[in-house]
């Protein structure tokens, strides 16, 4: 099983679908701050933040590999 962090986001969800097409099982881990739960439809979704070390440690025991697409989105004004 492959853990896809940020798997409810645009890129992560496409990666999870590609894994499935190639006969791999994907587990999605996302805090849904920028992702959408509907993007994880059809996959097991664990809602959690990458900073929740105890929760993440338990999930990591279930997987063989990790694809990391989680990240923070910052907005800034270039004119400032």
PDB file of N, CA and C in Angstrom:
ATOM      1  N   UNK A   1       0.841  -1.171   0.000  1.00  0.00           N
ATOM      2  CA  UNK A   1       0.000   0.000   0.000  1.00  0.00           C
ATOM      3  C   UNK A   1       0.887   1.236   0.000  1.00  0.00           C
ATOM      4  N   UNK A   2       0.438   2.271  -0.724  1.00  0.00           N
ATOM      5  CA  UNK A   2       1.189   3.508  -0.845  1.00  0.00           C
ATOM      6  C   UNK A   2       0.390   4.638  -0.212  1.00  0.00           C
ATOM      7  N   UNK A   3       1.026   5.366   0.687  1.00  0.00           N
ATOM      8  CA  UNK A   3       0.414   6.518   1.329  1.00  0.00           C
ATOM      9  C   UNK A   3       0.604   7.729   0.424  1.00  0.00           C
ATOM     10  N   UNK A   4      -0.494   8.415   0.139  1.00  0.00           N
ATOM     11  CA  UNK A   4      -0.437   9.628  -0.672  1.00  0.00           C
ATOM     12  C   UNK A   4      -0.839  10.793   0.230  1.00  0.00           C
ATOM     13  N   UNK A   5       0.162  11.527   0.723  1.00  0.00           N
ATOM     14  CA  UNK A   5      -0.152  12.698   1.537  1.00  0.00           C
ATOM     15  C   UNK A   5      -0.569  13.819   0.595  1.00  0.00           C
ATOM     16  N   UNK A   6      -1.560  14.586   1.015  1.00  0.00           N
ATOM     17  CA  UNK A   6      -2.107  15.600   0.134  1.00  0.00           C
ATOM     18  C   UNK A   6      -2.932  14.982  -0.985  1.00  0.00           C
ATOM     19  N   UNK A   7      -3.403  13.778  -0.751  1.00  0.00           N
ATOM     20  CA  UNK A   7      -4.119  13.027  -1.782  1.00  0.00           C
ATOM     21  C   UNK A   7      -5.498  13.545  -2.107  1.00  0.00           C
ATOM     22  N   UNK A   8      -6.008  14.497  -1.349  1.00  0.00           N
ATOM     23  CA  UNK A   8      -7.299  15.103  -1.666  1.00  0.00           C
ATOM     24  C   UNK A   8      -7.114  16.408  -2.432  1.00  0.00           C
ATOM     25  N   UNK A   9      -5.887  16.691  -2.815  1.00  0.00           N
ATOM     26  CA  UNK A   9      -5.605  17.843  -3.654  1.00  0.00           C
ATOM     27  C   UNK A   9      -5.571  17.425  -5.115  1.00  0.00           C
ATOM     28  N   UNK A  10      -5.384  18.372  -6.001  1.00  0.00           N
ATOM     29  CA  UNK A  10      -5.433  18.096  -7.429  1.00  0.00           C
ATOM     30  C   UNK A  10      -4.352  17.095  -7.857  1.00  0.00           C
ATOM     31  N   UNK A  11      -3.107  17.385  -7.562  1.00  0.00           N
ATOM     32  CA  UNK A  11      -2.013  16.518  -8.008  1.00  0.00           C
ATOM     33  C   UNK A  11      -2.026  15.189  -7.265  1.00  0.00           C
ATOM     34  N   UNK A  12      -2.207  15.228  -5.941  1.00  0.00           N
ATOM     35  CA  UNK A  12      -2.229  14.000  -5.154  1.00  0.00           C
ATOM     36  C   UNK A  12      -3.338  13.050  -5.564  1.00  0.00           C
ATOM     37  N   UNK A  13      -4.510  13.590  -5.870  1.00  0.00           N
ATOM     38  CA  UNK A  13      -5.626  12.731  -6.275  1.00  0.00           C
ATOM     39  C   UNK A  13      -5.357  12.081  -7.629  1.00  0.00           C
ATOM     40  N   UNK A  14      -4.709  12.798  -8.523  1.00  0.00           N
ATOM     41  CA  UNK A  14      -4.354  12.205  -9.820  1.00  0.00           C
ATOM     42  C   UNK A  14      -3.288  11.127  -9.637  1.00  0.00           C
ATOM     43  N   UNK A  15      -2.362  11.347  -8.717  1.00  0.00           N
ATOM     44  CA  UNK A  15      -1.348  10.332  -8.436  1.00  0.00           C
ATOM     45  C   UNK A  15      -1.997   9.075  -7.876  1.00  0.00           C
ATOM     46  N   UNK A  16      -2.958   9.227  -6.977  1.00  0.00           N
ATOM     47  CA  UNK A  16      -3.655   8.070  -6.402  1.00  0.00           C
ATOM     48  C   UNK A  16      -4.384   7.283  -7.485  1.00  0.00           C
ATOM     49  N   UNK A  17      -5.016   7.985  -8.402  1.00  0.00           N
ATOM     50  CA  UNK A  17      -5.718   7.302  -9.497  1.00  0.00           C
ATOM     51  C   UNK A  17      -4.739   6.581 -10.425  1.00  0.00           C
ATOM     52  N   UNK A  18      -3.590   7.193 -10.670  1.00  0.00           N
ATOM     53  CA  UNK A  18      -2.567   6.544 -11.497  1.00  0.00           C
ATOM     54  C   UNK A  18      -2.058   5.277 -10.813  1.00  0.00           C
ATOM     55  N   UNK A  19      -1.877   5.350  -9.508  1.00  0.00           N
ATOM     56  CA  UNK A  19      -1.455   4.159  -8.769  1.00  0.00           C
ATOM     57  C   UNK A  19      -2.481   3.042  -8.932  1.00  0.00           C
ATOM     58  N   UNK A  20      -3.744   3.388  -8.796  1.00  0.00           N
ATOM     59  CA  UNK A  20      -4.806   2.388  -8.938  1.00  0.00           C
ATOM     60  C   UNK A  20      -4.790   1.771 -10.339  1.00  0.00           C
ATOM     61  N   UNK A  21      -4.600   2.599 -11.352  1.00  0.00           N
ATOM     62  CA  UNK A  21      -4.553   2.077 -12.726  1.00  0.00           C
ATOM     63  C   UNK A  21      -3.428   1.081 -12.915  1.00  0.00           C
ATOM     64  N   UNK A  22      -2.387   1.220 -12.115  1.00  0.00           N
ATOM     65  CA  UNK A  22      -1.233   0.316 -12.204  1.00  0.00           C
ATOM     66  C   UNK A  22      -1.259  -0.747 -11.102  1.00  0.00           C
ATOM     67  N   UNK A  23      -2.462  -1.016 -10.612  1.00  0.00           N
ATOM     68  CA  UNK A  23      -2.719  -2.096  -9.647  1.00  0.00           C
ATOM     69  C   UNK A  23      -2.029  -1.928  -8.296  1.00  0.00           C
ATOM     70  N   UNK A  24      -1.897  -0.681  -7.861  1.00  0.00           N
ATOM     71  CA  UNK A  24      -1.386  -0.399  -6.519  1.00  0.00           C
ATOM     72  C   UNK A  24      -2.538   0.114  -5.666  1.00  0.00           C
ATOM     73  N   UNK A  25      -2.463  -0.170  -4.383  1.00  0.00           N
ATOM     74  CA  UNK A  25      -3.464   0.313  -3.446  1.00  0.00           C
ATOM     75  C   UNK A  25      -2.953   1.612  -2.830  1.00  0.00           C
ATOM     76  N   UNK A  26      -3.802   2.633  -2.837  1.00  0.00           N
ATOM     77  CA  UNK A  26      -3.410   3.937  -2.292  1.00  0.00           C
ATOM     78  C   UNK A  26      -4.269   4.278  -1.085  1.00  0.00           C
ATOM     79  N   UNK A  27      -3.632   4.866  -0.100  1.00  0.00           N
ATOM     80  CA  UNK A  27      -4.283   5.368   1.105  1.00  0.00           C
ATOM     81  C   UNK A  27      -4.039   6.871   1.129  1.00  0.00           C
ATOM     82  N   UNK A  28      -5.103   7.648   1.241  1.00  0.00           N
ATOM     83  CA  UNK A  28      -4.977   9.101   1.182  1.00  0.00           C
ATOM     84  C   UNK A  28      -4.993   9.694   2.590  1.00  0.00           C
ATOM     85  N   UNK A  29      -4.044  10.583   2.821  1.00  0.00           N
ATOM     86  CA  UNK A  29      -3.908  11.288   4.112  1.00  0.00           C
ATOM     87  C   UNK A  29      -3.894  12.771   3.790  1.00  0.00           C
ATOM     88  N   UNK A  30      -4.873  13.501   4.315  1.00  0.00           N
ATOM     89  CA  UNK A  30      -4.999  14.917   3.966  1.00  0.00           C
ATOM     90  C   UNK A  30      -5.715  15.633   5.102  1.00  0.00           C
ATOM     91  N   UNK A  31      -5.351  16.880   5.342  1.00  0.00           N
ATOM     92  CA  UNK A  31      -6.049  17.650   6.377  1.00  0.00           C
ATOM     93  C   UNK A  31      -7.213  18.455   5.799  1.00  0.00           C
ATOM     94  N   UNK A  32      -7.397  18.388   4.495  1.00  0.00           N
ATOM     95  CA  UNK A  32      -8.495  19.053   3.783  1.00  0.00           C
ATOM     96  C   UNK A  32      -8.467  20.574   3.901  1.00  0.00           C
ATOM     97  N   UNK A  33      -7.308  21.141   4.219  1.00  0.00           N
ATOM     98  CA  UNK A  33      -7.219  22.597   4.285  1.00  0.00           C
ATOM     99  C   UNK A  33      -7.264  23.218   2.894  1.00  0.00           C
ATOM    100  N   UNK A  34      -6.763  22.505   1.917  1.00  0.00           N
ATOM    101  CA  UNK A  34      -6.811  22.987   0.533  1.00  0.00           C
ATOM    102  C   UNK A  34      -7.447  21.948  -0.386  1.00  0.00           C
ATOM    103  N   UNK A  35      -7.403  20.682   0.015  1.00  0.00           N
ATOM    104  CA  UNK A  35      -7.975  19.615  -0.798  1.00  0.00           C
ATOM    105  C   UNK A  35      -9.476  19.507  -0.616  1.00  0.00           C
ATOM    106  N   UNK A  36     -10.063  18.635  -1.402  1.00  0.00           N
ATOM    107  CA  UNK A  36     -11.498  18.419  -1.343  1.00  0.00           C
ATOM    108  C   UNK A  36     -11.773  16.944  -1.097  1.00  0.00           C
ATOM    109  N   UNK A  37     -12.650  16.671  -0.166  1.00  0.00           N
ATOM    110  CA  UNK A  37     -12.970  15.293   0.173  1.00  0.00           C
ATOM    111  C   UNK A  37     -13.442  14.523  -1.061  1.00  0.00           C
ATOM    112  N   UNK A  38     -14.132  15.172  -1.965  1.00  0.00           N
ATOM    113  CA  UNK A  38     -14.625  14.496  -3.170  1.00  0.00           C
ATOM    114  C   UNK A  38     -13.487  13.993  -4.050  1.00  0.00           C
ATOM    115  N   UNK A  39     -12.311  14.629  -4.002  1.00  0.00           N
ATOM    116  CA  UNK A  39     -11.164  14.172  -4.784  1.00  0.00           C
ATOM    117  C   UNK A  39     -10.646  12.823  -4.281  1.00  0.00           C
ATOM    118  N   UNK A  40     -10.966  12.472  -3.041  1.00  0.00           N
ATOM    119  CA  UNK A  40     -10.521  11.214  -2.454  1.00  0.00           C
ATOM    120  C   UNK A  40     -11.580  10.123  -2.585  1.00  0.00           C
ATOM    121  N   UNK A  41     -12.651  10.418  -3.280  1.00  0.00           N
ATOM    122  CA  UNK A  41     -13.740   9.457  -3.433  1.00  0.00           C
ATOM    123  C   UNK A  41     -13.232   8.139  -4.021  1.00  0.00           C
ATOM    124  N   UNK A  42     -13.622   7.048  -3.388  1.00  0.00           N
ATOM    125  CA  UNK A  42     -13.200   5.730  -3.842  1.00  0.00           C
ATOM    126  C   UNK A  42     -11.936   5.227  -3.183  1.00  0.00           C
ATOM    127  N   UNK A  43     -11.329   6.047  -2.354  1.00  0.00           N
ATOM    128  CA  UNK A  43     -10.114   5.679  -1.625  1.00  0.00           C
ATOM    129  C   UNK A  43     -10.376   5.790  -0.132  1.00  0.00           C
ATOM    130  N   UNK A  44      -9.603   5.062   0.645  1.00  0.00           N
ATOM    131  CA  UNK A  44      -9.667   5.283   2.087  1.00  0.00           C
ATOM    132  C   UNK A  44      -9.008   6.627   2.359  1.00  0.00           C
ATOM    133  N   UNK A  45      -9.728   7.488   3.056  1.00  0.00           N
ATOM    134  CA  UNK A  45      -9.224   8.815   3.392  1.00  0.00           C
ATOM    135  C   UNK A  45      -9.055   8.925   4.894  1.00  0.00           C
ATOM    136  N   UNK A  46      -7.862   9.283   5.303  1.00  0.00           N
ATOM    137  CA  UNK A  46      -7.600   9.586   6.704  1.00  0.00           C
ATOM    138  C   UNK A  46      -7.405  11.093   6.785  1.00  0.00           C
ATOM    139  N   UNK A  47      -8.270  11.734   7.545  1.00  0.00           N
ATOM    140  CA  UNK A  47      -8.164  13.184   7.705  1.00  0.00           C
ATOM    141  C   UNK A  47      -7.214  13.458   8.864  1.00  0.00           C
ATOM    142  N   UNK A  48      -6.102  14.066   8.536  1.00  0.00           N
ATOM    143  CA  UNK A  48      -5.099  14.376   9.541  1.00  0.00           C
ATOM    144  C   UNK A  48      -4.050  15.294   8.968  1.00  0.00           C
ATOM    145  N   UNK A  49      -3.366  15.974   9.845  1.00  0.00           N
ATOM    146  CA  UNK A  49      -2.311  16.895   9.455  1.00  0.00           C
ATOM    147  C   UNK A  49      -0.971  16.173   9.518  1.00  0.00           C
ATOM    148  N   UNK A  50      -0.086  16.510   8.618  1.00  0.00           N
ATOM    149  CA  UNK A  50       1.240  15.889   8.571  1.00  0.00           C
ATOM    150  C   UNK A  50       2.015  16.160   9.869  1.00  0.00           C
ATOM    151  N   UNK A  51       1.651  17.207  10.601  1.00  0.00           N
ATOM    152  CA  UNK A  51       2.317  17.548  11.854  1.00  0.00           C
ATOM    153  C   UNK A  51       1.825  16.719  13.037  1.00  0.00           C
ATOM    154  N   UNK A  52       0.755  15.946  12.845  1.00  0.00           N
ATOM    155  CA  UNK A  52       0.247  15.074  13.911  1.00  0.00           C
ATOM    156  C   UNK A  52       1.088  13.800  13.924  1.00  0.00           C
ATOM    157  N   UNK A  53       2.240  13.869  14.581  1.00  0.00           N
ATOM    158  CA  UNK A  53       3.233  12.796  14.483  1.00  0.00           C
ATOM    159  C   UNK A  53       2.725  11.444  14.976  1.00  0.00           C
ATOM    160  N   UNK A  54       1.972  11.409  16.042  1.00  0.00           N
ATOM    161  CA  UNK A  54       1.478  10.120  16.544  1.00  0.00           C
ATOM    162  C   UNK A  54       0.480   9.491  15.577  1.00  0.00           C
ATOM    163  N   UNK A  55      -0.408  10.292  15.049  1.00  0.00           N
ATOM    164  CA  UNK A  55      -1.391   9.786  14.094  1.00  0.00           C
ATOM    165  C   UNK A  55      -0.691   9.302  12.821  1.00  0.00           C
ATOM    166  N   UNK A  56       0.228  10.099  12.332  1.00  0.00           N
ATOM    167  CA  UNK A  56       0.957   9.737  11.122  1.00  0.00           C
ATOM    168  C   UNK A  56       1.791   8.474  11.335  1.00  0.00           C
ATOM    169  N   UNK A  57       2.392   8.333  12.496  1.00  0.00           N
ATOM    170  CA  UNK A  57       3.200   7.141  12.790  1.00  0.00           C
ATOM    171  C   UNK A  57       2.360   5.865  12.707  1.00  0.00           C
ATOM    172  N   UNK A  58       1.134   5.925  13.183  1.00  0.00           N
ATOM    173  CA  UNK A  58       0.241   4.764  13.106  1.00  0.00           C
ATOM    174  C   UNK A  58      -0.098   4.437  11.650  1.00  0.00           C
ATOM    175  N   UNK A  59      -0.320   5.445  10.850  1.00  0.00           N
ATOM    176  CA  UNK A  59      -0.634   5.235   9.436  1.00  0.00           C
ATOM    177  C   UNK A  59       0.574   4.649   8.703  1.00  0.00           C
ATOM    178  N   UNK A  60       1.767   5.140   9.012  1.00  0.00           N
ATOM    179  CA  UNK A  60       2.975   4.670   8.337  1.00  0.00           C
ATOM    180  C   UNK A  60       3.223   3.179   8.557  1.00  0.00           C
ATOM    181  N   UNK A  61       2.723   2.628   9.640  1.00  0.00           N
ATOM    182  CA  UNK A  61       2.872   1.193   9.900  1.00  0.00           C
ATOM    183  C   UNK A  61       2.116   0.356   8.880  1.00  0.00           C
ATOM    184  N   UNK A  62       1.152   0.959   8.204  1.00  0.00           N
ATOM    185  CA  UNK A  62       0.299   0.235   7.264  1.00  0.00           C
ATOM    186  C   UNK A  62       0.796   0.276   5.824  1.00  0.00           C
ATOM    187  N   UNK A  63       1.802   1.087   5.541  1.00  0.00           N
ATOM    188  CA  UNK A  63       2.178   1.327   4.148  1.00  0.00           C
ATOM    189  C   UNK A  63       3.605   0.871   3.852  1.00  0.00           C
ATOM    190  N   UNK A  64       3.858   0.694   2.560  1.00  0.00           N
ATOM    191  CA  UNK A  64       5.186   0.285   2.090  1.00  0.00           C
ATOM    192  C   UNK A  64       5.979   1.442   1.490  1.00  0.00           C
ATOM    193  N   UNK A  65       5.264   2.495   1.099  1.00  0.00           N
ATOM    194  CA  UNK A  65       5.909   3.641   0.459  1.00  0.00           C
ATOM    195  C   UNK A  65       5.045   4.876   0.670  1.00  0.00           C
ATOM    196  N   UNK A  66       5.654   6.045   0.451  1.00  0.00           N
ATOM    197  CA  UNK A  66       4.952   7.316   0.617  1.00  0.00           C
ATOM    198  C   UNK A  66       5.201   8.184  -0.612  1.00  0.00           C
ATOM    199  N   UNK A  67       4.133   8.796  -1.096  1.00  0.00           N
ATOM    200  CA  UNK A  67       4.232   9.842  -2.110  1.00  0.00           C
ATOM    201  C   UNK A  67       3.714  11.110  -1.438  1.00  0.00           C
ATOM    202  N   UNK A  68       4.568  12.107  -1.322  1.00  0.00           N
ATOM    203  CA  UNK A  68       4.232  13.300  -0.536  1.00  0.00           C
ATOM    204  C   UNK A  68       3.856  14.461  -1.439  1.00  0.00           C
ATOM    205  N   UNK A  69       2.573  14.847  -1.372  1.00  0.00           N
ATOM    206  CA  UNK A  69       2.075  15.990  -2.133  1.00  0.00           C
ATOM    207  C   UNK A  69       1.449  17.037  -1.223  1.00  0.00           C
ATOM    208  N   UNK A  70       1.539  16.846   0.083  1.00  0.00           N
ATOM    209  CA  UNK A  70       0.972  17.810   1.022  1.00  0.00           C
ATOM    210  C   UNK A  70       1.833  19.052   1.086  1.00  0.00           C
ATOM    211  N   UNK A  71       1.196  20.181   1.285  1.00  0.00           N
ATOM    212  CA  UNK A  71       1.950  21.414   1.402  1.00  0.00           C
ATOM    213  C   UNK A  71       1.057  22.556   1.824  1.00  0.00           C
ATOM    214  N   UNK A  72       1.680  23.649   2.193  1.00  0.00           N
ATOM    215  CA  UNK A  72       0.944  24.845   2.572  1.00  0.00           C
ATOM    216  C   UNK A  72       0.820  25.776   1.374  1.00  0.00           C
ATOM    217  N   UNK A  73      -0.313  26.418   1.290  1.00  0.00           N
ATOM    218  CA  UNK A  73      -0.532  27.396   0.233  1.00  0.00           C
ATOM    219  C   UNK A  73      -0.482  28.778   0.865  1.00  0.00           C
ATOM    220  N   UNK A  74       0.407  29.599   0.368  1.00  0.00           N
ATOM    221  CA  UNK A  74       0.534  30.965   0.889  1.00  0.00           C
ATOM    222  C   UNK A  74       0.150  31.931  -0.216  1.00  0.00           C
ATOM    223  N   UNK A  75      -0.569  32.949   0.175  1.00  0.00           N
ATOM    224  CA  UNK A  75      -0.892  34.009  -0.769  1.00  0.00           C
ATOM    225  C   UNK A  75      -0.129  35.250  -0.344  1.00  0.00           C
ATOM    226  N   UNK A  76       0.355  35.964  -1.307  1.00  0.00           N
ATOM    227  CA  UNK A  76       1.047  37.198  -0.987  1.00  0.00           C
ATOM    228  C   UNK A  76       0.799  38.198  -2.111  1.00  0.00           C
ATOM    229  N   UNK A  77       0.966  39.434  -1.784  1.00  0.00           N
ATOM    230  CA  UNK A  77       0.768  40.516  -2.738  1.00  0.00           C
ATOM    231  C   UNK A  77       2.134  40.946  -3.258  1.00  0.00           C
ATOM    232  N   UNK A  78       2.373  40.742  -4.531  1.00  0.00           N
ATOM    233  CA  UNK A  78       3.662  41.097  -5.121  1.00  0.00           C
ATOM    234  C   UNK A  78       3.934  42.599  -5.068  1.00  0.00           C
ATOM    235  N   UNK A  79       2.872  43.400  -5.052  1.00  0.00           N
ATOM    236  CA  UNK A  79       3.044  44.852  -5.059  1.00  0.00           C
ATOM    237  C   UNK A  79       3.480  45.396  -3.703  1.00  0.00           C
ATOM    238  N   UNK A  80       3.319  44.615  -2.654  1.00  0.00           N
ATOM    239  CA  UNK A  80       3.654  45.104  -1.310  1.00  0.00           C
ATOM    240  C   UNK A  80       5.145  45.155  -1.075  1.00  0.00           C
TER     241      UNK A  80
END
